[in-house]
N, C-alpha and C. Protein backbone atom coordinates (compact mmCIF):
# COMPACT_ATOMS: atom_id res chain seq x y z
N MET A 1 0.79 -1.21 -0.11
CA MET A 1 0.04 0.02 0.02
C MET A 1 0.84 1.21 0.05
N VAL A 2 2.00 1.21 0.60
CA VAL A 2 2.90 2.36 0.87
C VAL A 2 3.41 2.78 -0.62
N GLU A 3 3.57 1.80 -1.55
CA GLU A 3 4.01 2.23 -2.88
C GLU A 3 3.04 3.05 -3.63
N TYR A 4 1.73 3.04 -3.22
CA TYR A 4 0.67 3.82 -3.81
C TYR A 4 0.40 5.06 -3.10
N TYR A 5 1.06 5.42 -2.04
CA TYR A 5 0.83 6.53 -1.22
C TYR A 5 0.81 7.84 -2.03
N LEU A 6 1.73 8.06 -2.82
CA LEU A 6 1.85 9.27 -3.61
C LEU A 6 0.62 9.36 -4.65
N TRP A 7 0.21 8.28 -5.25
CA TRP A 7 -1.06 8.27 -6.04
C TRP A 7 -2.23 8.67 -5.24
N ILE A 8 -2.35 8.03 -4.08
CA ILE A 8 -3.49 8.40 -3.20
C ILE A 8 -3.41 9.81 -2.86
N LYS A 9 -2.33 10.27 -2.55
CA LYS A 9 -2.11 11.69 -2.09
C LYS A 9 -2.50 12.65 -3.33
N ALA A 10 -2.09 12.40 -4.45
CA ALA A 10 -2.51 13.11 -5.66
C ALA A 10 -3.97 13.12 -5.88
N LEU A 11 -4.66 11.92 -5.74
CA LEU A 11 -6.04 11.86 -5.88
C LEU A 11 -6.74 12.76 -4.82
N HIS A 12 -6.16 12.63 -3.60
CA HIS A 12 -6.71 13.43 -2.47
C HIS A 12 -6.66 14.92 -2.66
N VAL A 13 -5.54 15.28 -3.19
CA VAL A 13 -5.34 16.91 -3.49
C VAL A 13 -6.29 17.24 -4.65
N ILE A 14 -6.52 16.49 -5.64
CA ILE A 14 -7.45 16.76 -6.78
C ILE A 14 -8.85 16.98 -6.17
N ALA A 15 -9.27 15.93 -5.29
CA ALA A 15 -10.60 15.90 -4.72
C ALA A 15 -10.78 17.13 -3.78
N VAL A 16 -9.75 17.40 -3.09
CA VAL A 16 -9.82 18.61 -2.15
C VAL A 16 -10.10 19.95 -2.87
N ILE A 17 -9.30 20.01 -4.15
CA ILE A 17 -9.50 21.24 -4.97
C ILE A 17 -10.92 21.39 -5.43
N ALA A 18 -11.44 20.25 -6.01
CA ALA A 18 -12.71 20.23 -6.57
C ALA A 18 -13.78 20.50 -5.38
N TRP A 19 -13.52 19.88 -4.30
CA TRP A 19 -14.50 20.06 -3.11
C TRP A 19 -14.49 21.52 -2.59
N MET A 20 -13.32 22.10 -2.44
CA MET A 20 -13.16 23.46 -1.94
C MET A 20 -13.72 24.45 -2.94
N ALA A 21 -13.52 24.06 -4.22
CA ALA A 21 -14.14 25.08 -5.29
C ALA A 21 -15.62 25.15 -5.17
N GLY A 22 -16.24 24.02 -4.94
CA GLY A 22 -17.71 23.93 -4.66
C GLY A 22 -18.22 24.66 -3.35
N LEU A 23 -17.36 24.33 -2.31
CA LEU A 23 -17.65 24.79 -1.01
C LEU A 23 -17.70 26.49 -1.05
N VAL A 24 -16.75 27.03 -1.86
CA VAL A 24 -16.68 28.49 -1.98
C VAL A 24 -17.70 29.05 -2.93
N TYR A 25 -17.95 28.26 -3.94
CA TYR A 25 -18.81 28.86 -5.06
C TYR A 25 -20.30 28.70 -4.67
N LEU A 26 -20.64 27.62 -4.13
CA LEU A 26 -22.20 27.38 -3.84
C LEU A 26 -22.77 28.47 -3.04
N PRO A 27 -22.20 28.87 -1.92
CA PRO A 27 -22.84 29.87 -1.13
C PRO A 27 -22.89 31.29 -1.81
N ARG A 28 -21.97 31.49 -2.78
CA ARG A 28 -21.99 32.63 -3.59
C ARG A 28 -23.14 32.61 -4.55
N LEU A 29 -23.43 31.44 -5.13
CA LEU A 29 -24.64 31.26 -5.92
C LEU A 29 -25.88 31.50 -5.19
N TYR A 30 -25.87 31.08 -3.88
CA TYR A 30 -26.98 31.45 -3.01
C TYR A 30 -27.29 32.93 -2.85
N VAL A 31 -26.18 33.69 -2.65
CA VAL A 31 -26.24 35.14 -2.73
C VAL A 31 -26.94 35.64 -3.81
N TYR A 32 -26.65 35.20 -4.93
CA TYR A 32 -27.22 35.67 -6.19
C TYR A 32 -28.66 35.06 -6.40
N HIS A 33 -28.84 33.95 -5.99
CA HIS A 33 -30.13 33.36 -6.01
C HIS A 33 -31.23 33.98 -5.12
N CYS A 34 -30.63 34.54 -4.00
CA CYS A 34 -31.57 35.38 -3.10
C CYS A 34 -32.17 36.66 -3.95
N GLN A 35 -31.46 37.14 -4.86
CA GLN A 35 -31.85 38.27 -5.58
C GLN A 35 -32.82 37.97 -6.73
N ALA A 36 -33.01 36.61 -7.03
CA ALA A 36 -33.93 36.32 -8.05
C ALA A 36 -35.30 36.06 -7.49
N ALA A 37 -36.34 36.47 -8.22
CA ALA A 37 -37.74 36.32 -7.83
C ALA A 37 -37.99 34.83 -7.93
N VAL A 38 -38.84 34.38 -6.77
CA VAL A 38 -39.23 33.01 -6.80
C VAL A 38 -40.04 32.61 -8.06
N GLY A 39 -39.73 31.54 -8.61
CA GLY A 39 -40.45 31.15 -9.91
C GLY A 39 -39.97 31.79 -11.14
N SER A 40 -39.03 32.66 -11.09
CA SER A 40 -38.52 33.33 -12.27
C SER A 40 -37.59 32.39 -13.11
N GLU A 41 -37.33 32.75 -14.28
CA GLU A 41 -36.44 31.99 -15.12
C GLU A 41 -35.04 31.90 -14.44
N LYS A 42 -34.66 33.22 -13.91
CA LYS A 42 -33.35 33.22 -13.40
C LYS A 42 -33.21 32.33 -12.11
N SER A 43 -34.36 32.24 -11.26
CA SER A 43 -34.27 31.32 -10.03
C SER A 43 -34.23 29.94 -10.60
N GLU A 44 -34.86 29.55 -11.60
CA GLU A 44 -34.85 28.18 -12.21
C GLU A 44 -33.43 27.82 -12.67
N VAL A 45 -32.77 28.79 -13.27
CA VAL A 45 -31.41 28.46 -13.75
C VAL A 45 -30.48 28.33 -12.58
N PHE A 46 -30.64 29.06 -11.48
CA PHE A 46 -29.70 28.83 -10.28
C PHE A 46 -30.01 27.53 -9.71
N LYS A 47 -31.38 27.08 -9.63
CA LYS A 47 -31.59 25.67 -9.10
C LYS A 47 -30.68 24.73 -9.82
N VAL A 48 -30.73 24.72 -11.17
CA VAL A 48 -30.04 23.74 -12.02
C VAL A 48 -28.48 23.80 -11.66
N MET A 49 -28.06 25.07 -11.68
CA MET A 49 -26.60 25.18 -11.34
C MET A 49 -26.20 24.65 -9.97
N GLU A 50 -27.00 25.00 -8.97
CA GLU A 50 -26.80 24.56 -7.64
C GLU A 50 -26.82 22.94 -7.51
N ARG A 51 -27.85 22.56 -8.14
CA ARG A 51 -28.08 20.98 -8.08
C ARG A 51 -26.73 20.26 -8.73
N ARG A 52 -26.44 20.81 -9.91
CA ARG A 52 -25.41 20.05 -10.63
C ARG A 52 -24.03 20.21 -9.87
N LEU A 53 -23.80 21.48 -9.33
CA LEU A 53 -22.60 21.66 -8.60
C LEU A 53 -22.49 20.68 -7.36
N PHE A 54 -23.57 20.72 -6.74
CA PHE A 54 -23.65 19.88 -5.50
C PHE A 54 -23.55 18.39 -5.67
N ARG A 55 -24.37 17.94 -6.65
CA ARG A 55 -24.49 16.54 -6.89
C ARG A 55 -23.26 15.88 -7.74
N ALA A 56 -22.90 16.60 -8.74
CA ALA A 56 -21.92 16.16 -9.76
C ALA A 56 -20.53 16.39 -9.34
N ILE A 57 -20.25 17.58 -8.56
CA ILE A 57 -18.88 17.81 -8.23
C ILE A 57 -18.70 17.75 -6.77
N MET A 58 -19.39 18.43 -5.93
CA MET A 58 -19.12 18.54 -4.51
C MET A 58 -19.32 17.17 -3.83
N ASN A 59 -20.36 16.45 -3.94
CA ASN A 59 -20.59 15.15 -3.40
C ASN A 59 -19.54 14.14 -3.67
N PRO A 60 -19.21 13.92 -5.05
CA PRO A 60 -18.12 12.93 -5.36
C PRO A 60 -16.86 13.32 -4.81
N ALA A 61 -16.49 14.59 -4.81
CA ALA A 61 -15.14 15.17 -4.30
C ALA A 61 -15.06 14.95 -2.86
N MET A 62 -16.28 15.15 -2.09
CA MET A 62 -16.09 15.00 -0.74
C MET A 62 -15.95 13.50 -0.36
N ILE A 63 -16.59 12.65 -1.13
CA ILE A 63 -16.55 11.18 -0.82
C ILE A 63 -15.15 10.81 -1.03
N VAL A 64 -14.48 11.22 -2.17
CA VAL A 64 -13.02 10.87 -2.45
C VAL A 64 -12.16 11.34 -1.47
N VAL A 65 -12.41 12.57 -0.87
CA VAL A 65 -11.51 13.02 0.16
C VAL A 65 -11.70 12.31 1.43
N TRP A 66 -12.88 11.79 1.83
CA TRP A 66 -13.13 11.04 3.01
C TRP A 66 -12.62 9.57 2.79
N ILE A 67 -12.29 9.20 1.63
CA ILE A 67 -11.76 7.82 1.45
C ILE A 67 -10.19 7.95 1.40
N THR A 68 -9.67 8.83 0.60
CA THR A 68 -8.20 8.97 0.45
C THR A 68 -7.60 9.58 1.74
N GLY A 69 -8.26 10.43 2.35
CA GLY A 69 -7.67 11.04 3.65
C GLY A 69 -7.33 10.13 4.59
N PRO A 70 -8.40 9.40 5.23
CA PRO A 70 -8.14 8.37 6.23
C PRO A 70 -7.22 7.29 5.70
N LEU A 71 -7.20 6.98 4.46
CA LEU A 71 -6.31 5.98 3.90
C LEU A 71 -4.90 6.50 4.10
N MET A 72 -4.66 7.69 3.75
CA MET A 72 -3.23 8.26 3.93
C MET A 72 -2.85 8.34 5.39
N VAL A 73 -3.81 8.69 6.25
CA VAL A 73 -3.53 8.69 7.72
C VAL A 73 -3.20 7.32 8.26
N TRP A 74 -3.92 6.30 7.74
CA TRP A 74 -3.62 5.00 8.13
C TRP A 74 -2.37 4.57 7.66
N ILE A 75 -1.82 4.81 6.46
CA ILE A 75 -0.61 4.42 5.91
C ILE A 75 0.47 5.11 6.60
N GLY A 76 0.22 6.34 6.94
CA GLY A 76 1.29 7.23 7.56
C GLY A 76 1.29 7.20 9.15
N ASP A 77 0.27 6.55 9.60
CA ASP A 77 0.08 6.41 11.14
C ASP A 77 -0.01 7.74 11.71
N PHE A 78 -0.74 8.76 11.21
CA PHE A 78 -0.87 10.01 11.70
C PHE A 78 -1.90 10.24 12.75
N TRP A 79 -2.75 9.17 13.13
CA TRP A 79 -3.91 9.28 13.94
C TRP A 79 -3.69 10.15 15.16
N THR A 80 -2.59 10.08 15.81
CA THR A 80 -2.41 10.75 17.16
C THR A 80 -1.55 11.99 16.88
N ASP A 81 -1.06 12.31 15.72
CA ASP A 81 -0.17 13.47 15.57
C ASP A 81 -1.02 14.77 15.84
N PRO A 82 -0.55 15.75 16.67
CA PRO A 82 -1.32 16.95 17.02
C PRO A 82 -1.84 17.68 15.73
N TRP A 83 -0.89 17.82 14.71
CA TRP A 83 -1.30 18.57 13.59
C TRP A 83 -2.48 17.97 12.84
N PHE A 84 -2.55 16.63 12.80
CA PHE A 84 -3.57 15.86 12.26
C PHE A 84 -4.92 16.03 12.94
N LEU A 85 -4.80 16.11 14.29
CA LEU A 85 -6.00 16.27 15.05
C LEU A 85 -6.62 17.67 14.81
N GLY A 86 -5.75 18.62 14.65
CA GLY A 86 -6.23 19.99 14.36
C GLY A 86 -6.90 20.05 13.02
N LYS A 87 -6.22 19.36 12.04
CA LYS A 87 -6.74 19.29 10.68
C LYS A 87 -8.07 18.51 10.68
N ALA A 88 -8.19 17.42 11.44
CA ALA A 88 -9.40 16.67 11.48
C ALA A 88 -10.68 17.50 11.97
N PHE A 89 -10.29 18.34 12.94
CA PHE A 89 -11.41 19.20 13.44
C PHE A 89 -12.02 20.13 12.36
N PHE A 90 -11.12 20.64 11.47
CA PHE A 90 -11.54 21.57 10.43
C PHE A 90 -12.19 20.78 9.21
N ILE A 91 -11.70 19.52 9.12
CA ILE A 91 -12.36 18.69 8.07
C ILE A 91 -13.84 18.38 8.41
N ILE A 92 -14.04 18.19 9.74
CA ILE A 92 -15.41 18.09 10.27
C ILE A 92 -16.18 19.27 10.06
N VAL A 93 -15.53 20.51 10.24
CA VAL A 93 -16.26 21.72 10.03
C VAL A 93 -16.72 21.87 8.61
N LEU A 94 -15.82 21.49 7.73
CA LEU A 94 -16.04 21.65 6.26
C LEU A 94 -17.19 20.60 5.88
N THR A 95 -17.12 19.56 6.42
CA THR A 95 -18.17 18.48 6.19
C THR A 95 -19.51 18.88 6.66
N VAL A 96 -19.58 19.55 7.81
CA VAL A 96 -20.91 20.12 8.35
C VAL A 96 -21.39 21.15 7.47
N ALA A 97 -20.42 22.05 7.06
CA ALA A 97 -20.73 23.11 6.14
C ALA A 97 -21.37 22.56 4.85
N HIS A 98 -20.72 21.54 4.27
CA HIS A 98 -21.20 20.83 3.13
C HIS A 98 -22.60 20.34 3.27
N HIS A 99 -23.01 19.74 4.38
CA HIS A 99 -24.27 19.26 4.55
C HIS A 99 -25.31 20.40 4.79
N ALA A 100 -24.87 21.45 5.40
CA ALA A 100 -25.81 22.64 5.56
C ALA A 100 -25.97 23.25 4.16
N PHE A 101 -24.95 23.39 3.35
CA PHE A 101 -25.16 23.97 2.04
C PHE A 101 -26.18 23.01 1.29
N GLY A 102 -26.06 21.75 1.40
CA GLY A 102 -26.97 20.76 0.81
C GLY A 102 -28.44 20.94 1.29
N ARG A 103 -28.52 21.19 2.58
CA ARG A 103 -29.94 21.50 3.09
C ARG A 103 -30.43 22.89 2.54
N TRP A 104 -29.74 23.86 2.42
CA TRP A 104 -30.03 25.09 1.93
C TRP A 104 -30.35 25.01 0.42
N ARG A 105 -29.65 24.14 -0.29
CA ARG A 105 -29.97 24.04 -1.76
C ARG A 105 -31.41 23.43 -1.90
N LYS A 106 -31.73 22.37 -1.06
CA LYS A 106 -32.99 21.77 -1.11
C LYS A 106 -34.15 22.86 -0.84
N ASP A 107 -33.79 23.90 0.15
CA ASP A 107 -34.73 24.94 0.40
C ASP A 107 -34.99 25.77 -0.74
N PHE A 108 -33.94 26.12 -1.40
CA PHE A 108 -34.07 26.92 -2.77
C PHE A 108 -34.76 26.13 -3.76
N GLU A 109 -34.49 24.85 -3.82
CA GLU A 109 -35.20 24.04 -4.88
C GLU A 109 -36.67 23.96 -4.70
N SER A 110 -37.12 23.95 -3.51
CA SER A 110 -38.55 23.94 -3.16
C SER A 110 -39.10 25.36 -2.93
N ASP A 111 -38.41 26.40 -3.25
CA ASP A 111 -38.74 27.88 -2.98
C ASP A 111 -39.15 28.09 -1.53
N ARG A 112 -38.24 27.58 -0.64
CA ARG A 112 -38.54 27.79 0.89
C ARG A 112 -37.31 28.53 1.56
N ASN A 113 -36.50 29.12 0.74
CA ASN A 113 -35.36 29.80 1.36
C ASN A 113 -35.78 30.88 2.35
N THR A 114 -35.25 30.86 3.53
CA THR A 114 -35.65 31.87 4.54
C THR A 114 -34.42 32.85 4.97
N HIS A 115 -33.20 32.48 4.30
CA HIS A 115 -31.98 33.22 4.73
C HIS A 115 -31.74 34.40 3.70
N SER A 116 -31.10 35.33 4.21
CA SER A 116 -30.73 36.67 3.57
C SER A 116 -29.33 36.43 2.75
N GLU A 117 -29.25 37.36 1.95
CA GLU A 117 -28.00 37.47 1.05
C GLU A 117 -26.82 37.53 2.08
N ARG A 118 -27.02 38.35 3.06
CA ARG A 118 -25.93 38.56 4.16
C ARG A 118 -25.52 37.25 4.80
N PHE A 119 -26.67 36.52 5.12
CA PHE A 119 -26.33 35.13 5.73
C PHE A 119 -25.42 34.34 4.97
N PHE A 120 -25.74 34.19 3.70
CA PHE A 120 -24.93 33.43 2.68
C PHE A 120 -23.53 34.12 2.39
N ARG A 121 -23.51 35.35 2.53
CA ARG A 121 -22.14 36.02 2.52
C ARG A 121 -21.24 35.59 3.60
N ILE A 122 -21.83 35.52 4.76
CA ILE A 122 -21.06 35.11 5.94
C ILE A 122 -20.78 33.56 5.82
N ALA A 123 -21.81 32.85 5.51
CA ALA A 123 -21.65 31.33 5.31
C ALA A 123 -20.44 31.07 4.24
N ASN A 124 -20.37 31.99 3.37
CA ASN A 124 -19.28 31.77 2.27
C ASN A 124 -17.92 31.78 2.81
N GLU A 125 -17.74 32.50 3.97
CA GLU A 125 -16.41 32.67 4.62
C GLU A 125 -16.05 31.35 5.41
N VAL A 126 -16.96 30.49 5.88
CA VAL A 126 -16.58 29.27 6.64
C VAL A 126 -15.59 28.45 5.77
N PRO A 127 -15.88 28.00 4.67
CA PRO A 127 -14.93 26.99 4.01
C PRO A 127 -13.55 27.74 3.75
N THR A 128 -13.56 28.95 3.57
CA THR A 128 -12.16 29.56 3.39
C THR A 128 -11.29 29.63 4.54
N ILE A 129 -12.04 29.90 5.74
CA ILE A 129 -11.34 29.86 7.08
C ILE A 129 -10.94 28.46 7.37
N GLY A 130 -11.77 27.51 7.12
CA GLY A 130 -11.44 26.19 7.37
C GLY A 130 -10.23 25.64 6.48
N MET A 131 -10.19 26.03 5.30
CA MET A 131 -9.17 25.71 4.33
C MET A 131 -7.80 26.32 4.84
N ILE A 132 -7.85 27.52 5.27
CA ILE A 132 -6.62 28.22 5.71
C ILE A 132 -6.01 27.39 6.95
N PHE A 133 -6.89 27.02 7.83
CA PHE A 133 -6.41 26.38 9.11
C PHE A 133 -5.83 24.92 8.58
N ILE A 134 -6.57 24.24 7.71
CA ILE A 134 -6.07 22.97 7.16
C ILE A 134 -4.74 23.11 6.56
N VAL A 135 -4.56 23.95 5.66
CA VAL A 135 -3.28 24.14 4.96
C VAL A 135 -2.21 24.29 5.95
N VAL A 136 -2.41 25.36 6.88
CA VAL A 136 -1.35 25.45 7.96
C VAL A 136 -0.99 24.30 8.67
N PHE A 137 -2.02 23.54 9.10
CA PHE A 137 -1.81 22.37 9.87
C PHE A 137 -0.98 21.28 9.15
N VAL A 138 -1.26 21.18 7.84
CA VAL A 138 -0.62 20.19 6.96
C VAL A 138 0.79 20.56 6.59
N ILE A 139 0.91 21.89 6.20
CA ILE A 139 2.24 22.31 5.66
C ILE A 139 3.13 22.68 6.79
N VAL A 140 2.69 23.55 7.71
CA VAL A 140 3.56 24.18 8.79
C VAL A 140 3.72 23.09 10.05
N LYS A 141 2.63 22.35 10.22
CA LYS A 141 2.59 21.41 11.36
C LYS A 141 2.98 22.24 12.66
N PRO A 142 2.12 23.25 13.09
CA PRO A 142 2.67 24.12 14.17
C PRO A 142 2.70 23.40 15.56
N PHE A 143 2.18 22.21 15.66
CA PHE A 143 2.23 21.46 16.95
C PHE A 143 2.05 20.06 16.59
């Protein structure tokens, strides 16, 4: 398994990039979707964009991250390393955000959104902050 570590790592990084792109872009779509009148053509286009982004890109990318990440941790025996524990916390934060974004997507899809543009602008910052901490924990290993 060790001989495949770099391939697993490459796949992990590719999946992380795709997942992060979606985590950053989807709440931005929600900001614009808030500006569209319910039932309008613009609103319906946003629904298609949001659904395709979430189902075709974000969900598969998150699944690959959750398969390759623990596999690398198992191969490298990082389970108890302090930097990994910090990273794991923020991975859980990103996963919770992913599921919240999915729930909000369903609200938009059924024309039941109750959140404001401002709410989604703030929600848009969560993945970015999580990503910053994860990169620092992985690259710098501050502890």
